[in-house]
PDB file of N, CA and C in Angstrom:
ATOM      1  N   UNK A   1      83.223  19.294   7.944  1.00  0.00           N
ATOM      2  CA  UNK A   1      84.328  19.048   9.695  1.00  0.00           C
ATOM      3  C   UNK A   1      84.563  20.909   9.371  1.00  0.00           C
ATOM      4  N   UNK A   2      84.091  21.594  10.315  1.00  0.00           N
ATOM      5  CA  UNK A   2      84.117  23.268  10.492  1.00  0.00           C
ATOM      6  C   UNK A   2      85.894  23.527  10.452  1.00  0.00           C
ATOM      7  N   UNK A   3      85.899  24.219   9.567  1.00  0.00           N
ATOM      8  CA  UNK A   3      87.197  25.340   9.506  1.00  0.00           C
ATOM      9  C   UNK A   3      88.136  25.284  10.940  1.00  0.00           C
ATOM     10  N   UNK A   4      87.575  25.472  12.298  1.00  0.00           N
ATOM     11  CA  UNK A   4      88.541  25.192  13.601  1.00  0.00           C
ATOM     12  C   UNK A   4      89.084  23.624  13.305  1.00  0.00           C
ATOM     13  N   UNK A   5      88.219  22.866  13.627  1.00  0.00           N
ATOM     14  CA  UNK A   5      88.590  21.441  13.754  1.00  0.00           C
ATOM     15  C   UNK A   5      89.027  21.200  11.844  1.00  0.00           C
ATOM     16  N   UNK A   6      89.088  21.383  11.135  1.00  0.00           N
ATOM     17  CA  UNK A   6      90.199  21.207   9.976  1.00  0.00           C
ATOM     18  C   UNK A   6      91.717  21.604  10.368  1.00  0.00           C
ATOM     19  N   UNK A   7      91.425  23.268  10.768  1.00  0.00           N
ATOM     20  CA  UNK A   7      92.856  24.241  10.851  1.00  0.00           C
ATOM     21  C   UNK A   7      93.663  23.231  12.004  1.00  0.00           C
ATOM     22  N   UNK A   8      93.007  22.691  12.977  1.00  0.00           N
ATOM     23  CA  UNK A   8      93.609  21.819  14.282  1.00  0.00           C
ATOM     24  C   UNK A   8      94.537  20.339  13.398  1.00  0.00           C
ATOM     25  N   UNK A   9      93.408  19.783  12.606  1.00  0.00           N
ATOM     26  CA  UNK A   9      94.200  18.710  12.224  1.00  0.00           C
ATOM     27  C   UNK A   9      95.090  18.778  11.319  1.00  0.00           C
ATOM     28  N   UNK A  10      95.216  20.116  10.823  1.00  0.00           N
ATOM     29  CA  UNK A  10      96.422  20.090   9.907  1.00  0.00           C
ATOM     30  C   UNK A  10      97.761  20.752  10.337  1.00  0.00           C
ATOM     31  N   UNK A  11      96.801  21.375  11.607  1.00  0.00           N
ATOM     32  CA  UNK A  11      98.502  21.543  12.280  1.00  0.00           C
ATOM     33  C   UNK A  11      99.203  20.284  12.512  1.00  0.00           C
ATOM     34  N   UNK A  12      98.375  19.720  13.411  1.00  0.00           N
ATOM     35  CA  UNK A  12      99.096  18.603  13.711  1.00  0.00           C
ATOM     36  C   UNK A  12      99.865  17.379  12.973  1.00  0.00           C
ATOM     37  N   UNK A  13      99.374  17.336  11.709  1.00  0.00           N
ATOM     38  CA  UNK A  13      99.399  16.954  10.320  1.00  0.00           C
ATOM     39  C   UNK A  13     100.977  17.317   9.917  1.00  0.00           C
ATOM     40  N   UNK A  14     101.178  18.819  10.202  1.00  0.00           N
ATOM     41  CA  UNK A  14     102.516  19.135   9.884  1.00  0.00           C
ATOM     42  C   UNK A  14     103.585  19.300  10.634  1.00  0.00           C
ATOM     43  N   UNK A  15     102.822  19.192  12.251  1.00  0.00           N
ATOM     44  CA  UNK A  15     103.472  19.164  12.856  1.00  0.00           C
ATOM     45  C   UNK A  15     104.567  17.462  13.039  1.00  0.00           C
ATOM     46  N   UNK A  16     103.272  16.500  12.816  1.00  0.00           N
ATOM     47  CA  UNK A  16     103.732  15.449  12.224  1.00  0.00           C
ATOM     48  C   UNK A  16     104.780  15.489  11.082  1.00  0.00           C
ATOM     49  N   UNK A  17     104.424  15.828  10.243  1.00  0.00           N
ATOM     50  CA  UNK A  17     105.417  15.715   9.466  1.00  0.00           C
ATOM     51  C   UNK A  17     107.369  16.743   9.443  1.00  0.00           C
ATOM     52  N   UNK A  18     106.932  17.420  10.388  1.00  0.00           N
ATOM     53  CA  UNK A  18     108.520  18.093  10.305  1.00  0.00           C
ATOM     54  C   UNK A  18     109.337  17.175  11.706  1.00  0.00           C
ATOM     55  N   UNK A  19     108.212  16.335  12.247  1.00  0.00           N
ATOM     56  CA  UNK A  19     109.263  15.162  12.749  1.00  0.00           C
ATOM     57  C   UNK A  19     109.901  13.794  11.871  1.00  0.00           C
ATOM     58  N   UNK A  20     109.081  13.375  10.988  1.00  0.00           N
ATOM     59  CA  UNK A  20     109.537  13.004   9.934  1.00  0.00           C
ATOM     60  C   UNK A  20     110.605  12.836   9.043  1.00  0.00           C
ATOM     61  N   UNK A  21     110.246  14.690   8.998  1.00  0.00           N
ATOM     62  CA  UNK A  21     111.680  14.959   8.038  1.00  0.00           C
ATOM     63  C   UNK A  21     112.767  15.247   9.090  1.00  0.00           C
ATOM     64  N   UNK A  22     112.621  15.621  10.158  1.00  0.00           N
ATOM     65  CA  UNK A  22     113.769  15.031  11.253  1.00  0.00           C
ATOM     66  C   UNK A  22     114.401  13.930  11.377  1.00  0.00           C
ATOM     67  N   UNK A  23     113.415  12.924  11.529  1.00  0.00           N
ATOM     68  CA  UNK A  23     113.823  11.509  11.470  1.00  0.00           C
ATOM     69  C   UNK A  23     114.313  11.248  10.005  1.00  0.00           C
ATOM     70  N   UNK A  24     113.759  11.897   9.238  1.00  0.00           N
ATOM     71  CA  UNK A  24     114.737  10.965   8.049  1.00  0.00           C
ATOM     72  C   UNK A  24     115.722  11.673   7.778  1.00  0.00           C
ATOM     73  N   UNK A  25     116.384  12.664   8.339  1.00  0.00           N
ATOM     74  CA  UNK A  25     117.451  13.703   7.589  1.00  0.00           C
ATOM     75  C   UNK A  25     118.896  12.808   8.489  1.00  0.00           C
ATOM     76  N   UNK A  26     118.796  12.833   9.383  1.00  0.00           N
ATOM     77  CA  UNK A  26     119.273  11.614  10.547  1.00  0.00           C
ATOM     78  C   UNK A  26     120.415  10.592   9.389  1.00  0.00           C
ATOM     79  N   UNK A  27     119.109  10.471   7.990  1.00  0.00           N
ATOM     80  CA  UNK A  27     119.609   8.809   7.808  1.00  0.00           C
ATOM     81  C   UNK A  27     119.948   9.086   6.549  1.00  0.00           C
ATOM     82  N   UNK A  28     120.382  11.014   6.255  1.00  0.00           N
ATOM     83  CA  UNK A  28     121.657  11.282   5.285  1.00  0.00           C
ATOM     84  C   UNK A  28     123.185  11.611   5.708  1.00  0.00           C
ATOM     85  N   UNK A  29     123.713  10.882   4.817  1.00  0.00           N
ATOM     86  CA  UNK A  29     125.394  11.076   4.574  1.00  0.00           C
ATOM     87  C   UNK A  29     125.908  12.153   5.579  1.00  0.00           C
ATOM     88  N   UNK A  30     126.949  11.675   6.209  1.00  0.00           N
ATOM     89  CA  UNK A  30     127.343  13.268   7.433  1.00  0.00           C
ATOM     90  C   UNK A  30     128.854  13.173   6.570  1.00  0.00           C
ATOM     91  N   UNK A  31     128.553  13.891   4.928  1.00  0.00           N
ATOM     92  CA  UNK A  31     129.169  14.468   4.339  1.00  0.00           C
ATOM     93  C   UNK A  31     128.976  15.921   3.702  1.00  0.00           C
ATOM     94  N   UNK A  32     130.170  16.603   3.527  1.00  0.00           N
ATOM     95  CA  UNK A  32     129.793  17.643   3.515  1.00  0.00           C
ATOM     96  C   UNK A  32     128.190  18.022   2.530  1.00  0.00           C
ATOM     97  N   UNK A  33     128.655  17.656   1.453  1.00  0.00           N
ATOM     98  CA  UNK A  33     127.290  17.837   0.625  1.00  0.00           C
ATOM     99  C   UNK A  33     126.217  17.544   1.158  1.00  0.00           C
ATOM    100  N   UNK A  34     126.073  16.278   1.588  1.00  0.00           N
ATOM    101  CA  UNK A  34     124.670  15.582   3.026  1.00  0.00           C
ATOM    102  C   UNK A  34     125.081  16.417   3.692  1.00  0.00           C
ATOM    103  N   UNK A  35     125.693  16.758   4.577  1.00  0.00           N
ATOM    104  CA  UNK A  35     124.400  18.214   5.618  1.00  0.00           C
ATOM    105  C   UNK A  35     124.354  19.401   5.268  1.00  0.00           C
ATOM    106  N   UNK A  36     125.093  19.710   4.120  1.00  0.00           N
ATOM    107  CA  UNK A  36     124.092  21.416   3.405  1.00  0.00           C
ATOM    108  C   UNK A  36     122.592  20.409   3.391  1.00  0.00           C
ATOM    109  N   UNK A  37     122.508  19.234   2.206  1.00  0.00           N
ATOM    110  CA  UNK A  37     120.866  19.116   1.892  1.00  0.00           C
ATOM    111  C   UNK A  37     119.998  19.091   3.160  1.00  0.00           C
ATOM    112  N   UNK A  38     120.765  18.220   4.304  1.00  0.00           N
ATOM    113  CA  UNK A  38     120.598  18.000   5.071  1.00  0.00           C
ATOM    114  C   UNK A  38     119.623  19.352   6.287  1.00  0.00           C
ATOM    115  N   UNK A  39     120.417  20.456   6.494  1.00  0.00           N
ATOM    116  CA  UNK A  39     120.673  21.268   6.611  1.00  0.00           C
ATOM    117  C   UNK A  39     118.918  22.251   6.014  1.00  0.00           C
ATOM    118  N   UNK A  40     118.672  22.239   4.297  1.00  0.00           N
ATOM    119  CA  UNK A  40     118.009  22.575   3.727  1.00  0.00           C
ATOM    120  C   UNK A  40     117.081  21.924   4.242  1.00  0.00           C
ATOM    121  N   UNK A  41     116.856  20.897   3.789  1.00  0.00           N
ATOM    122  CA  UNK A  41     115.316  19.695   4.538  1.00  0.00           C
ATOM    123  C   UNK A  41     115.232  20.224   5.214  1.00  0.00           C
ATOM    124  N   UNK A  42     115.951  20.265   6.240  1.00  0.00           N
ATOM    125  CA  UNK A  42     115.012  20.043   7.323  1.00  0.00           C
ATOM    126  C   UNK A  42     114.606  21.416   7.754  1.00  0.00           C
ATOM    127  N   UNK A  43     115.321  22.847   7.541  1.00  0.00           N
ATOM    128  CA  UNK A  43     114.515  24.541   7.651  1.00  0.00           C
ATOM    129  C   UNK A  43     113.437  24.398   6.977  1.00  0.00           C
ATOM    130  N   UNK A  44     112.917  23.706   5.091  1.00  0.00           N
ATOM    131  CA  UNK A  44     111.995  24.046   5.431  1.00  0.00           C
ATOM    132  C   UNK A  44     110.896  22.849   5.048  1.00  0.00           C
ATOM    133  N   UNK A  45     111.784  21.265   5.994  1.00  0.00           N
ATOM    134  CA  UNK A  45     110.031  21.007   6.214  1.00  0.00           C
ATOM    135  C   UNK A  45     109.947  21.082   7.483  1.00  0.00           C
ATOM    136  N   UNK A  46     110.339  21.632   8.131  1.00  0.00           N
ATOM    137  CA  UNK A  46     109.794  22.048   9.976  1.00  0.00           C
ATOM    138  C   UNK A  46     109.468  23.019   9.523  1.00  0.00           C
ATOM    139  N   UNK A  47     109.939  23.877   8.782  1.00  0.00           N
ATOM    140  CA  UNK A  47     109.039  25.419   8.927  1.00  0.00           C
ATOM    141  C   UNK A  47     107.203  25.856   7.876  1.00  0.00           C
ATOM    142  N   UNK A  48     106.828  24.184   7.597  1.00  0.00           N
ATOM    143  CA  UNK A  48     106.207  24.332   6.518  1.00  0.00           C
ATOM    144  C   UNK A  48     104.596  24.077   7.703  1.00  0.00           C
ATOM    145  N   UNK A  49     105.133  23.440   8.985  1.00  0.00           N
ATOM    146  CA  UNK A  49     103.717  23.557  10.223  1.00  0.00           C
ATOM    147  C   UNK A  49     104.055  24.685  11.344  1.00  0.00           C
ATOM    148  N   UNK A  50     105.071  25.507  11.260  1.00  0.00           N
ATOM    149  CA  UNK A  50     105.519  26.579  11.944  1.00  0.00           C
ATOM    150  C   UNK A  50     104.619  27.591  11.098  1.00  0.00           C
ATOM    151  N   UNK A  51     104.829  27.427   9.887  1.00  0.00           N
ATOM    152  CA  UNK A  51     103.806  28.713   9.161  1.00  0.00           C
ATOM    153  C   UNK A  51     102.518  28.219   8.992  1.00  0.00           C
ATOM    154  N   UNK A  52     102.361  27.734   8.820  1.00  0.00           N
ATOM    155  CA  UNK A  52     100.614  27.298   8.990  1.00  0.00           C
ATOM    156  C   UNK A  52      99.845  27.963  10.446  1.00  0.00           C
ATOM    157  N   UNK A  53     100.909  27.016  11.529  1.00  0.00           N
ATOM    158  CA  UNK A  53     100.054  27.552  12.923  1.00  0.00           C
ATOM    159  C   UNK A  53     100.313  29.486  13.002  1.00  0.00           C
ATOM    160  N   UNK A  54     100.859  29.725  12.726  1.00  0.00           N
ATOM    161  CA  UNK A  54     101.048  31.404  12.048  1.00  0.00           C
ATOM    162  C   UNK A  54      99.868  32.107  11.744  1.00  0.00           C
ATOM    163  N   UNK A  55      99.835  30.959  10.429  1.00  0.00           N
ATOM    164  CA  UNK A  55      98.805  31.528   9.644  1.00  0.00           C
ATOM    165  C   UNK A  55      97.669  31.710   9.781  1.00  0.00           C
ATOM    166  N   UNK A  56      97.294  30.770  10.706  1.00  0.00           N
ATOM    167  CA  UNK A  56      95.472  30.489  11.793  1.00  0.00           C
ATOM    168  C   UNK A  56      95.958  31.264  12.858  1.00  0.00           C
ATOM    169  N   UNK A  57      97.096  31.880  13.147  1.00  0.00           N
ATOM    170  CA  UNK A  57      96.783  33.277  13.661  1.00  0.00           C
ATOM    171  C   UNK A  57      97.094  34.422  13.022  1.00  0.00           C
ATOM    172  N   UNK A  58      96.662  34.585  12.458  1.00  0.00           N
ATOM    173  CA  UNK A  58      96.310  35.668  11.375  1.00  0.00           C
ATOM    174  C   UNK A  58      95.874  36.734  11.422  1.00  0.00           C
ATOM    175  N   UNK A  59      96.285  37.966  11.965  1.00  0.00           N
ATOM    176  CA  UNK A  59      95.648  39.491  11.861  1.00  0.00           C
ATOM    177  C   UNK A  59      94.460  39.511  10.206  1.00  0.00           C
ATOM    178  N   UNK A  60      94.398  38.962   9.443  1.00  0.00           N
ATOM    179  CA  UNK A  60      94.130  39.303   8.166  1.00  0.00           C
ATOM    180  C   UNK A  60      93.641  38.146   7.486  1.00  0.00           C
ATOM    181  N   UNK A  61      92.478  38.771   6.416  1.00  0.00           N
ATOM    182  CA  UNK A  61      92.336  37.411   5.164  1.00  0.00           C
ATOM    183  C   UNK A  61      93.480  37.089   4.400  1.00  0.00           C
ATOM    184  N   UNK A  62      94.392  39.031   4.252  1.00  0.00           N
ATOM    185  CA  UNK A  62      95.336  38.958   3.300  1.00  0.00           C
ATOM    186  C   UNK A  62      96.412  38.598   3.848  1.00  0.00           C
ATOM    187  N   UNK A  63      96.968  39.031   5.327  1.00  0.00           N
ATOM    188  CA  UNK A  63      98.054  38.241   6.002  1.00  0.00           C
ATOM    189  C   UNK A  63      97.995  36.588   6.200  1.00  0.00           C
ATOM    190  N   UNK A  64      96.305  35.748   6.091  1.00  0.00           N
ATOM    191  CA  UNK A  64      96.727  34.345   6.530  1.00  0.00           C
ATOM    192  C   UNK A  64      97.124  33.936   4.901  1.00  0.00           C
ATOM    193  N   UNK A  65      96.373  34.656   3.428  1.00  0.00           N
ATOM    194  CA  UNK A  65      96.870  33.939   2.256  1.00  0.00           C
ATOM    195  C   UNK A  65      98.116  34.080   2.381  1.00  0.00           C
ATOM    196  N   UNK A  66      98.710  35.792   2.276  1.00  0.00           N
ATOM    197  CA  UNK A  66     100.595  35.623   2.484  1.00  0.00           C
ATOM    198  C   UNK A  66     101.261  34.480   3.213  1.00  0.00           C
ATOM    199  N   UNK A  67     100.444  34.113   4.105  1.00  0.00           N
ATOM    200  CA  UNK A  67     101.429  32.695   5.039  1.00  0.00           C
ATOM    201  C   UNK A  67     101.398  31.815   4.695  1.00  0.00           C
ATOM    202  N   UNK A  68     100.073  31.765   3.871  1.00  0.00           N
ATOM    203  CA  UNK A  68      99.723  29.965   3.544  1.00  0.00           C
ATOM    204  C   UNK A  68     100.380  29.677   1.950  1.00  0.00           C
ATOM    205  N   UNK A  69     100.495  30.875   1.491  1.00  0.00           N
ATOM    206  CA  UNK A  69     102.070  30.956   0.026  1.00  0.00           C
ATOM    207  C   UNK A  69     103.491  31.097   0.630  1.00  0.00           C
ATOM    208  N   UNK A  70     103.464  30.966   1.917  1.00  0.00           N
ATOM    209  CA  UNK A  70     104.791  31.311   2.349  1.00  0.00           C
ATOM    210  C   UNK A  70     104.448  29.490   2.651  1.00  0.00           C
ATOM    211  N   UNK A  71     103.786  28.675   2.975  1.00  0.00           N
ATOM    212  CA  UNK A  71     103.477  27.329   3.740  1.00  0.00           C
ATOM    213  C   UNK A  71     103.852  26.236   2.557  1.00  0.00           C
ATOM    214  N   UNK A  72     102.954  27.176   1.411  1.00  0.00           N
ATOM    215  CA  UNK A  72     103.024  25.948   0.415  1.00  0.00           C
ATOM    216  C   UNK A  72     104.643  26.322  -0.875  1.00  0.00           C
ATOM    217  N   UNK A  73     105.315  27.194  -0.675  1.00  0.00           N
ATOM    218  CA  UNK A  73     106.692  27.501  -0.779  1.00  0.00           C
ATOM    219  C   UNK A  73     107.617  26.114   0.009  1.00  0.00           C
ATOM    220  N   UNK A  74     107.789  26.476   1.335  1.00  0.00           N
ATOM    221  CA  UNK A  74     108.067  25.610   1.784  1.00  0.00           C
ATOM    222  C   UNK A  74     108.235  23.770   1.449  1.00  0.00           C
ATOM    223  N   UNK A  75     106.716  23.660   1.333  1.00  0.00           N
ATOM    224  CA  UNK A  75     106.467  22.391   0.988  1.00  0.00           C
ATOM    225  C   UNK A  75     106.854  21.804  -0.265  1.00  0.00           C
ATOM    226  N   UNK A  76     106.645  23.337  -1.494  1.00  0.00           N
ATOM    227  CA  UNK A  76     107.423  22.996  -3.126  1.00  0.00           C
ATOM    228  C   UNK A  76     108.956  21.937  -2.717  1.00  0.00           C
ATOM    229  N   UNK A  77     109.967  23.401  -1.903  1.00  0.00           N
ATOM    230  CA  UNK A  77     111.440  23.111  -1.370  1.00  0.00           C
ATOM    231  C   UNK A  77     111.646  21.781  -1.036  1.00  0.00           C
ATOM    232  N   UNK A  78     110.513  21.235   0.168  1.00  0.00           N
ATOM    233  CA  UNK A  78     111.091  19.946   0.581  1.00  0.00           C
ATOM    234  C   UNK A  78     110.631  19.211   0.070  1.00  0.00           C
ATOM    235  N   UNK A  79     110.078  19.203  -0.810  1.00  0.00           N
ATOM    236  CA  UNK A  79     109.689  18.050  -1.959  1.00  0.00           C
ATOM    237  C   UNK A  79     111.053  17.982  -3.159  1.00  0.00           C
ATOM    238  N   UNK A  80     111.320  19.554  -2.918  1.00  0.00           N
ATOM    239  CA  UNK A  80     112.583  19.661  -4.176  1.00  0.00           C
ATOM    240  C   UNK A  80     113.467  18.639  -3.839  1.00  0.00           C
ATOM    241  N   UNK A  81     114.455  18.777  -2.046  1.00  0.00           N
ATOM    242  CA  UNK A  81     115.154  18.264  -1.244  1.00  0.00           C
ATOM    243  C   UNK A  81     115.352  16.862  -1.383  1.00  0.00           C
ATOM    244  N   UNK A  82     114.018  16.466  -1.106  1.00  0.00           N
ATOM    245  CA  UNK A  82     113.364  14.795  -1.472  1.00  0.00           C
ATOM    246  C   UNK A  82     113.629  14.223  -2.684  1.00  0.00           C
ATOM    247  N   UNK A  83     113.691  14.860  -3.856  1.00  0.00           N
ATOM    248  CA  UNK A  83     113.549  14.833  -5.299  1.00  0.00           C
ATOM    249  C   UNK A  83     115.616  14.224  -4.968  1.00  0.00           C
ATOM    250  N   UNK A  84     116.499  15.074  -4.864  1.00  0.00           N
ATOM    251  CA  UNK A  84     117.903  15.696  -4.684  1.00  0.00           C
ATOM    252  C   UNK A  84     118.375  14.343  -4.171  1.00  0.00           C
ATOM    253  N   UNK A  85     117.815  14.166  -2.865  1.00  0.00           N
ATOM    254  CA  UNK A  85     117.726  12.686  -1.749  1.00  0.00           C
ATOM    255  C   UNK A  85     117.978  11.438  -3.028  1.00  0.00           C
ATOM    256  N   UNK A  86     116.908  11.387  -3.573  1.00  0.00           N
ATOM    257  CA  UNK A  86     116.536  10.530  -4.353  1.00  0.00           C
ATOM    258  C   UNK A  86     117.473  10.400  -5.224  1.00  0.00           C
ATOM    259  N   UNK A  87     117.480  10.763  -6.651  1.00  0.00           N
ATOM    260  CA  UNK A  87     118.684  11.433  -7.377  1.00  0.00           C
ATOM    261  C   UNK A  87     119.882  11.129  -7.165  1.00  0.00           C
ATOM    262  N   UNK A  88     120.144  11.569  -5.779  1.00  0.00           N
ATOM    263  CA  UNK A  88     121.730  10.841  -5.011  1.00  0.00           C
ATOM    264  C   UNK A  88     121.370   9.805  -4.479  1.00  0.00           C
ATOM    265  N   UNK A  89     120.329   9.011  -4.522  1.00  0.00           N
ATOM    266  CA  UNK A  89     120.847   7.439  -4.124  1.00  0.00           C
ATOM    267  C   UNK A  89     121.269   7.093  -3.443  1.00  0.00           C
ATOM    268  N   UNK A  90     120.759   8.471  -2.057  1.00  0.00           N
ATOM    269  CA  UNK A  90     121.498   8.151  -0.698  1.00  0.00           C
ATOM    270  C   UNK A  90     120.484   7.422   0.502  1.00  0.00           C
ATOM    271  N   UNK A  91     119.778   6.870  -0.003  1.00  0.00           N
ATOM    272  CA  UNK A  91     118.494   5.941   0.988  1.00  0.00           C
ATOM    273  C   UNK A  91     117.981   4.886   0.145  1.00  0.00           C
ATOM    274  N   UNK A  92     117.180   3.835   0.491  1.00  0.00           N
ATOM    275  CA  UNK A  92     116.341   3.210  -0.118  1.00  0.00           C
ATOM    276  C   UNK A  92     114.664   3.789  -0.520  1.00  0.00           C
ATOM    277  N   UNK A  93     114.365   3.753  -1.668  1.00  0.00           N
ATOM    278  CA  UNK A  93     113.268   4.097  -2.109  1.00  0.00           C
ATOM    279  C   UNK A  93     111.641   4.294  -0.861  1.00  0.00           C
ATOM    280  N   UNK A  94     112.115   3.555  -0.637  1.00  0.00           N
ATOM    281  CA  UNK A  94     110.953   3.133   0.287  1.00  0.00           C
ATOM    282  C   UNK A  94     111.151   3.680   2.158  1.00  0.00           C
ATOM    283  N   UNK A  95     112.857   3.855   2.239  1.00  0.00           N
ATOM    284  CA  UNK A  95     112.318   4.928   3.789  1.00  0.00           C
ATOM    285  C   UNK A  95     112.504   6.749   3.654  1.00  0.00           C
ATOM    286  N   UNK A  96     112.678   6.811   1.808  1.00  0.00           N
ATOM    287  CA  UNK A  96     111.968   8.262   1.705  1.00  0.00           C
ATOM    288  C   UNK A  96     110.601   8.681   1.426  1.00  0.00           C
ATOM    289  N   UNK A  97     110.394   7.618   0.386  1.00  0.00           N
ATOM    290  CA  UNK A  97     108.694   7.801  -0.315  1.00  0.00           C
ATOM    291  C   UNK A  97     107.096   7.737   0.016  1.00  0.00           C
ATOM    292  N   UNK A  98     107.451   7.816   1.785  1.00  0.00           N
ATOM    293  CA  UNK A  98     105.911   7.908   2.366  1.00  0.00           C
ATOM    294  C   UNK A  98     106.092   9.567   2.310  1.00  0.00           C
ATOM    295  N   UNK A  99     107.374   9.882   2.900  1.00  0.00           N
ATOM    296  CA  UNK A  99     107.682  11.129   3.038  1.00  0.00           C
ATOM    297  C   UNK A  99     107.749  12.253   1.670  1.00  0.00           C
ATOM    298  N   UNK A 100     108.451  11.749   1.170  1.00  0.00           N
ATOM    299  CA  UNK A 100     107.680  12.501  -0.218  1.00  0.00           C
ATOM    300  C   UNK A 100     105.733  12.484  -0.881  1.00  0.00           C
ATOM    301  N   UNK A 101     105.379  11.659  -0.553  1.00  0.00           N
ATOM    302  CA  UNK A 101     103.736  11.643  -1.004  1.00  0.00           C
ATOM    303  C   UNK A 101     103.273  12.745  -0.447  1.00  0.00           C
ATOM    304  N   UNK A 102     103.557  12.619   1.304  1.00  0.00           N
ATOM    305  CA  UNK A 102     103.236  13.092   2.293  1.00  0.00           C
ATOM    306  C   UNK A 102     103.726  14.696   1.485  1.00  0.00           C
ATOM    307  N   UNK A 103     104.944  15.049   1.117  1.00  0.00           N
ATOM    308  CA  UNK A 103     104.682  16.614   0.693  1.00  0.00           C
ATOM    309  C   UNK A 103     104.439  16.878  -0.272  1.00  0.00           C
ATOM    310  N   UNK A 104     103.999  16.055  -0.997  1.00  0.00           N
ATOM    311  CA  UNK A 104     103.397  16.316  -1.940  1.00  0.00           C
ATOM    312  C   UNK A 104     101.746  16.574  -2.187  1.00  0.00           C
ATOM    313  N   UNK A 105     100.960  16.109  -0.879  1.00  0.00           N
ATOM    314  CA  UNK A 105      99.916  15.995  -0.359  1.00  0.00           C
ATOM    315  C   UNK A 105      99.624  17.709   0.055  1.00  0.00           C
ATOM    316  N   UNK A 106     100.464  17.817   1.394  1.00  0.00           N
ATOM    317  CA  UNK A 106     100.651  19.217   1.521  1.00  0.00           C
ATOM    318  C   UNK A 106     101.311  20.065   1.278  1.00  0.00           C
ATOM    319  N   UNK A 107     101.589  19.915   0.251  1.00  0.00           N
ATOM    320  CA  UNK A 107     101.517  20.812  -1.435  1.00  0.00           C
ATOM    321  C   UNK A 107     100.339  21.497  -2.112  1.00  0.00           C
ATOM    322  N   UNK A 108      99.928  20.491  -2.400  1.00  0.00           N
ATOM    323  CA  UNK A 108      98.532  20.496  -3.313  1.00  0.00           C
ATOM    324  C   UNK A 108      97.523  20.976  -2.403  1.00  0.00           C
ATOM    325  N   UNK A 109      97.077  20.454  -0.733  1.00  0.00           N
ATOM    326  CA  UNK A 109      96.576  20.850  -0.383  1.00  0.00           C
ATOM    327  C   UNK A 109      96.521  22.368   0.598  1.00  0.00           C
ATOM    328  N   UNK A 110      98.069  23.001   0.384  1.00  0.00           N
ATOM    329  CA  UNK A 110      98.069  24.148   1.023  1.00  0.00           C
ATOM    330  C   UNK A 110      97.624  25.087  -0.654  1.00  0.00           C
ATOM    331  N   UNK A 111      98.405  24.141  -1.520  1.00  0.00           N
ATOM    332  CA  UNK A 111      97.941  25.283  -2.766  1.00  0.00           C
ATOM    333  C   UNK A 111      96.748  25.378  -3.267  1.00  0.00           C
ATOM    334  N   UNK A 112      95.771  24.633  -2.864  1.00  0.00           N
ATOM    335  CA  UNK A 112      94.266  24.909  -2.663  1.00  0.00           C
ATOM    336  C   UNK A 112      93.767  25.537  -1.841  1.00  0.00           C
ATOM    337  N   UNK A 113      94.208  25.881  -0.872  1.00  0.00           N
ATOM    338  CA  UNK A 113      93.987  26.630   0.333  1.00  0.00           C
ATOM    339  C   UNK A 113      94.155  27.841  -0.502  1.00  0.00           C
ATOM    340  N   UNK A 114      94.756  28.170  -0.564  1.00  0.00           N
ATOM    341  CA  UNK A 114      95.782  29.493  -1.196  1.00  0.00           C
ATOM    342  C   UNK A 114      94.624  29.985  -2.555  1.00  0.00           C
ATOM    343  N   UNK A 115      94.676  29.477  -3.389  1.00  0.00           N
ATOM    344  CA  UNK A 115      93.919  29.695  -4.238  1.00  0.00           C
ATOM    345  C   UNK A 115      92.190  29.928  -4.125  1.00  0.00           C
ATOM    346  N   UNK A 116      91.961  29.175  -3.071  1.00  0.00           N
ATOM    347  CA  UNK A 116      90.292  29.463  -2.426  1.00  0.00           C
ATOM    348  C   UNK A 116      90.291  30.822  -2.139  1.00  0.00           C
ATOM    349  N   UNK A 117      91.111  31.477  -1.609  1.00  0.00           N
ATOM    350  CA  UNK A 117      91.332  32.894  -1.148  1.00  0.00           C
ATOM    351  C   UNK A 117      91.253  33.788  -1.943  1.00  0.00           C
ATOM    352  N   UNK A 118      91.879  33.084  -3.275  1.00  0.00           N
ATOM    353  CA  UNK A 118      91.624  34.136  -3.938  1.00  0.00           C
ATOM    354  C   UNK A 118      90.593  35.213  -4.654  1.00  0.00           C
TER     355      UNK A 118
END
């Protein structure tokens, strides 16, 4: 697979992930605590794809590396909020575990991309 094709597929994958985060966030309880977590989760989960798209349009290798680092950071934060949801037992594991798995995979992938640029 060429770099361009890989980049396009990862853009689609991160966009689909953002949609799954938005759909999951609807299931979070509408309490003051739940709203805080929902806001944080939605921000970080949708930011991954937005920042990845920006990375693909970066002006230099250094800019690309910086933006990939931001993507990985957002993926890690997203995983954190998903772990909080799990700890709070706000939904059944089967409702959020597929999203957790995708977050872990995206984090590993983005971290790997960042390391290859070092």
